[in-house]
């Protein structure tokens, strides 16, 4: 009851035209609900899938906590909570990479694959943060950091679509292959929303100055894009893993 009172108080603080604050609040609630679902469903699966479901719940739980603070920061300061967002991403995006390793363990995936994906995800995030937060007012360096971040992203895409991860998924087949393909599409299409947010929110994002000339409007657009992308990607990632676990269980019981 106390939590509900706090949530309703938070809603009352959101102006009717504050679309950014609204997406922060909805994103927080959606990911909190997803966390409860994943955690409560863990015991329905064997050990092979239980860890994957646990990681899915951790991803959405960490994001929900950060979104709680980011919404308050936005409501109080009316500025993009860049630092808090990247803290969230540095914790959750590597965990999303871990999901690839966990579902591919059945095909003999080695920890080197996991650390490779984690490394490039951290490079992608750190350089993105430099572009958004450190290189403010320097469009050239924002473009450079954005480019490096993009290269790291495409290395991840290559590994999962064409490299070692793809070969392991094909060896595993069945529910693992189907889940891997769907997760790959999330990375290719869903994660692409983050470069779009970078473009909208920075002067130096590729063609950013031409897309949005008002930096205030740019920040609002960037946060809406990021918030929607986060909710879809993180909850979607977990649901794909959950679906694979259900399919695997059904196959073993048949």
Protein backbone atom coordinates (compact mmCIF):
# COMPACT_ATOMS: atom_id res chain seq x y z
CA UNK A 1 0.00 0.00 0.00
CA UNK A 2 2.84 2.39 0.84
CA UNK A 3 4.48 1.64 -2.52
CA UNK A 4 1.21 2.32 -4.33
CA UNK A 5 0.87 5.66 -2.52
CA UNK A 6 4.39 6.63 -3.58
CA UNK A 7 3.70 5.64 -7.18
CA UNK A 8 0.48 7.63 -7.30
CA UNK A 9 2.31 10.63 -5.83
CA UNK A 10 4.93 10.31 -8.55
CA UNK A 11 2.23 10.22 -11.23
CA UNK A 12 0.70 13.41 -9.83
CA UNK A 13 4.04 15.19 -10.36
CA UNK A 14 4.07 14.43 -14.08
CA UNK A 15 2.70 17.28 -16.18
CA UNK A 16 0.12 16.25 -18.77
CA UNK A 17 2.45 17.35 -21.58
CA UNK A 18 5.61 15.81 -20.07
CA UNK A 19 5.97 12.88 -22.44
CA UNK A 20 9.53 12.21 -21.28
CA UNK A 21 8.48 11.90 -17.64
CA UNK A 22 5.59 9.67 -18.67
CA UNK A 23 7.87 7.27 -20.59
CA UNK A 24 10.24 7.13 -17.61
CA UNK A 25 7.35 6.19 -15.32
CA UNK A 26 5.80 3.62 -17.69
CA UNK A 27 9.22 2.12 -18.42
CA UNK A 28 9.88 1.73 -14.69
CA UNK A 29 6.51 0.04 -14.06
CA UNK A 30 6.79 -2.24 -17.10
CA UNK A 31 10.26 -3.46 -16.17
CA UNK A 32 9.32 -3.89 -12.51
CA UNK A 33 6.38 -6.07 -13.57
CA UNK A 34 8.63 -8.05 -15.91
CA UNK A 35 11.10 -8.64 -13.07
CA UNK A 36 8.36 -10.04 -10.84
CA UNK A 37 7.22 -12.33 -13.65
CA UNK A 38 10.71 -13.69 -14.36
CA UNK A 39 11.62 -14.20 -10.71
CA UNK A 40 8.36 -15.97 -9.89
CA UNK A 41 8.63 -18.27 -12.92
CA UNK A 42 12.21 -19.42 -12.23
CA UNK A 43 11.24 -22.55 -10.31
CA UNK A 44 9.17 -23.78 -13.23
CA UNK A 45 12.32 -24.72 -15.14
CA UNK A 46 15.32 -26.98 -14.69
CA UNK A 47 18.76 -25.70 -13.77
CA UNK A 48 19.81 -25.24 -17.41
CA UNK A 49 17.24 -22.51 -17.96
CA UNK A 50 16.83 -21.22 -14.39
CA UNK A 51 20.00 -19.13 -14.56
CA UNK A 52 18.91 -17.56 -17.85
CA UNK A 53 15.52 -16.61 -16.39
CA UNK A 54 17.27 -15.21 -13.32
CA UNK A 55 19.51 -13.02 -15.48
CA UNK A 56 16.44 -11.81 -17.41
CA UNK A 57 14.86 -10.76 -14.12
CA UNK A 58 18.04 -9.03 -12.97
CA UNK A 59 18.23 -7.05 -16.22
CA UNK A 60 14.72 -5.66 -15.88
CA UNK A 61 15.02 -5.15 -12.10
CA UNK A 62 18.24 -3.11 -12.41
CA UNK A 63 16.63 -1.06 -15.18
CA UNK A 64 13.47 -0.47 -13.12
CA UNK A 65 15.49 0.88 -10.18
CA UNK A 66 17.47 3.21 -12.43
CA UNK A 67 14.32 4.41 -14.18
CA UNK A 68 12.84 5.30 -10.80
CA UNK A 69 15.79 7.59 -10.12
CA UNK A 70 15.99 8.90 -13.69
CA UNK A 71 12.33 9.95 -13.63
CA UNK A 72 12.90 11.87 -10.39
CA UNK A 73 16.04 13.47 -11.83
CA UNK A 74 14.16 14.55 -14.94
CA UNK A 75 11.25 15.92 -12.90
CA UNK A 76 13.59 17.87 -10.60
CA UNK A 77 16.30 19.12 -12.96
CA UNK A 78 14.56 18.87 -16.37
CA UNK A 79 17.79 17.59 -17.89
CA UNK A 80 18.70 14.30 -19.47
CA UNK A 81 19.93 11.84 -16.77
CA UNK A 82 22.86 10.76 -18.94
CA UNK A 83 25.10 9.53 -16.13
CA UNK A 84 22.40 7.38 -14.49
CA UNK A 85 21.35 5.99 -17.85
CA UNK A 86 24.85 4.86 -18.71
CA UNK A 87 25.30 3.32 -15.25
CA UNK A 88 22.16 1.31 -16.01
CA UNK A 89 23.45 0.29 -19.44
CA UNK A 90 26.92 -0.66 -18.17
CA UNK A 91 25.19 -3.13 -15.83
CA UNK A 92 22.38 -4.41 -18.04
CA UNK A 93 23.81 -4.55 -21.57
CA UNK A 94 26.69 -6.89 -20.60
CA UNK A 95 24.08 -9.06 -18.85
CA UNK A 96 22.15 -9.18 -22.12
CA UNK A 97 25.35 -10.41 -23.75
CA UNK A 98 25.64 -13.05 -21.03
CA UNK A 99 22.24 -14.36 -22.13
CA UNK A 100 23.77 -15.39 -25.47
CA UNK A 101 26.43 -17.40 -23.66
CA UNK A 102 23.95 -19.03 -21.28
CA UNK A 103 21.61 -20.32 -23.99
CA UNK A 104 24.57 -21.49 -26.12
CA UNK A 105 26.27 -23.43 -23.31
CA UNK A 106 24.34 -26.51 -24.43
CA UNK A 107 26.27 -26.36 -27.71
CA UNK A 108 29.63 -26.01 -25.96
CA UNK A 109 29.98 -22.22 -25.80
CA UNK A 110 33.13 -21.16 -23.96
CA UNK A 111 33.46 -18.29 -21.52
CA UNK A 112 35.76 -16.58 -24.02
CA UNK A 113 32.67 -15.88 -26.16
CA UNK A 114 30.91 -14.30 -23.19
CA UNK A 115 33.89 -12.09 -22.29
CA UNK A 116 34.31 -11.08 -25.94
CA UNK A 117 30.72 -9.89 -26.14
CA UNK A 118 30.98 -8.16 -22.76
CA UNK A 119 34.19 -6.39 -23.79
CA UNK A 120 32.73 -4.94 -26.98
CA UNK A 121 29.52 -3.95 -25.22
CA UNK A 122 31.53 -2.00 -22.63
CA UNK A 123 33.55 -0.32 -25.40
CA UNK A 124 30.29 0.60 -27.12
CA UNK A 125 28.87 2.11 -23.94
CA UNK A 126 31.96 3.91 -22.65
CA UNK A 127 32.65 5.61 -25.98
CA UNK A 128 28.96 6.48 -26.29
CA UNK A 129 29.10 8.11 -22.86
CA UNK A 130 32.19 10.09 -23.85
CA UNK A 131 30.30 11.36 -26.88
CA UNK A 132 27.16 12.33 -24.98
CA UNK A 133 28.59 13.61 -21.69
CA UNK A 134 32.30 14.43 -22.05
CA UNK A 135 32.49 15.90 -25.54
CA UNK A 136 29.59 18.33 -25.13
CA UNK A 137 30.09 21.38 -27.31
CA UNK A 138 32.59 19.60 -29.55
CA UNK A 139 30.62 18.15 -32.50
CA UNK A 140 33.73 16.67 -34.08
CA UNK A 141 34.63 14.59 -31.03
CA UNK A 142 31.00 13.61 -30.55
CA UNK A 143 31.04 12.29 -34.10
CA UNK A 144 34.32 10.42 -33.44
CA UNK A 145 33.13 8.82 -30.20
CA UNK A 146 29.83 7.93 -31.82
CA UNK A 147 31.68 6.26 -34.70
CA UNK A 148 33.85 4.18 -32.34
CA UNK A 149 30.75 3.16 -30.39
CA UNK A 150 29.06 2.17 -33.65
CA UNK A 151 32.03 0.03 -34.70
CA UNK A 152 31.90 -1.87 -31.39
CA UNK A 153 28.18 -2.41 -31.93
CA UNK A 154 28.71 -3.86 -35.40
CA UNK A 155 31.42 -6.20 -34.07
CA UNK A 156 28.83 -7.60 -31.66
CA UNK A 157 26.37 -7.92 -34.53
CA UNK A 158 28.94 -9.81 -36.60
CA UNK A 159 29.78 -12.24 -33.78
CA UNK A 160 26.18 -13.22 -33.14
CA UNK A 161 24.95 -13.16 -36.75
CA UNK A 162 27.89 -14.68 -38.62
CA UNK A 163 30.62 -15.63 -36.15
CA UNK A 164 31.16 -18.08 -33.33
CA UNK A 165 27.77 -17.56 -31.70
CA UNK A 166 25.89 -18.29 -34.93
CA UNK A 167 27.77 -21.58 -35.46
CA UNK A 168 27.06 -22.72 -31.91
CA UNK A 169 23.36 -21.91 -32.27
CA UNK A 170 23.16 -23.96 -35.45
CA UNK A 171 24.81 -26.88 -33.67
CA UNK A 172 22.30 -26.70 -30.82
CA UNK A 173 19.24 -26.38 -33.07
CA UNK A 174 15.69 -26.50 -31.75
CA UNK A 175 14.58 -23.95 -29.17
CA UNK A 176 18.13 -22.64 -28.73
CA UNK A 177 18.50 -21.79 -32.42
CA UNK A 178 15.08 -20.15 -32.54
CA UNK A 179 15.83 -18.06 -29.43
CA UNK A 180 19.26 -17.09 -30.78
CA UNK A 181 17.77 -15.88 -34.06
CA UNK A 182 15.21 -13.74 -32.25
CA UNK A 183 17.81 -12.27 -29.90
CA UNK A 184 19.96 -11.46 -32.93
CA UNK A 185 17.10 -9.47 -34.41
CA UNK A 186 16.70 -7.62 -31.11
CA UNK A 187 20.38 -6.62 -31.27
CA UNK A 188 20.26 -5.67 -34.96
CA UNK A 189 16.97 -3.78 -34.94
CA UNK A 190 16.19 -3.09 -31.28
CA UNK A 191 19.66 -1.92 -30.26
CA UNK A 192 19.80 0.30 -33.34
CA UNK A 193 17.37 2.61 -31.56
CA UNK A 194 20.24 3.75 -29.30
CA UNK A 195 22.32 5.24 -32.14
CA UNK A 196 19.11 6.97 -33.25
CA UNK A 197 18.80 8.48 -29.78
CA UNK A 198 22.45 9.54 -29.91
CA UNK A 199 21.85 11.22 -33.28
CA UNK A 200 18.81 13.08 -31.98
CA UNK A 201 20.41 14.16 -28.73
CA UNK A 202 23.90 15.37 -29.65
CA UNK A 203 25.15 18.12 -31.92
CA UNK A 204 27.82 15.80 -33.25
CA UNK A 205 25.71 12.70 -33.84
CA UNK A 206 25.72 11.81 -37.51
CA UNK A 207 23.59 14.52 -39.16
CA UNK A 208 22.31 15.37 -35.66
CA UNK A 209 22.41 19.13 -36.16
CA UNK A 210 20.24 18.82 -39.26
CA UNK A 211 17.70 16.52 -37.62
CA UNK A 212 17.07 18.59 -34.50
CA UNK A 213 18.30 22.17 -34.24
CA UNK A 214 16.85 22.93 -30.78
CA UNK A 215 19.02 21.15 -28.19
CA UNK A 216 16.13 21.12 -25.66
CA UNK A 217 13.85 19.36 -28.13
CA UNK A 218 16.77 17.09 -29.02
CA UNK A 219 17.17 16.00 -25.40
CA UNK A 220 13.46 15.27 -25.09
CA UNK A 221 13.42 13.26 -28.32
CA UNK A 222 16.53 11.35 -27.28
CA UNK A 223 15.05 10.35 -23.91
CA UNK A 224 11.74 9.22 -25.40
CA UNK A 225 13.60 7.08 -27.95
CA UNK A 226 15.90 5.62 -25.29
CA UNK A 227 13.02 4.89 -22.88
CA UNK A 228 10.91 3.09 -25.45
CA UNK A 229 13.94 1.19 -26.74
CA UNK A 230 14.97 0.11 -23.25
CA UNK A 231 11.56 -1.25 -22.34
CA UNK A 232 11.15 -3.14 -25.61
CA UNK A 233 14.67 -4.55 -25.70
CA UNK A 234 15.10 -5.57 -22.07
CA UNK A 235 11.66 -7.04 -21.56
CA UNK A 236 11.73 -8.56 -25.02
CA UNK A 237 15.10 -10.20 -24.40
CA UNK A 238 13.74 -11.84 -21.27
CA UNK A 239 10.54 -13.00 -22.94
CA UNK A 240 12.52 -14.64 -25.74
CA UNK A 241 14.60 -16.56 -23.20
CA UNK A 242 11.43 -17.47 -21.29
CA UNK A 243 9.81 -18.72 -24.51
CA UNK A 244 12.87 -20.85 -25.28
CA UNK A 245 12.74 -22.35 -21.79
CA UNK A 246 9.06 -23.20 -22.20
CA UNK A 247 9.70 -24.78 -25.62
CA UNK A 248 12.62 -26.77 -24.27
CA UNK A 249 10.55 -28.04 -21.35
CA UNK A 250 7.69 -29.02 -23.65
CA UNK A 251 10.08 -30.92 -25.94
CA UNK A 252 11.59 -32.84 -23.02
CA UNK A 253 8.16 -33.78 -21.68
CA UNK A 254 6.85 -34.93 -25.06
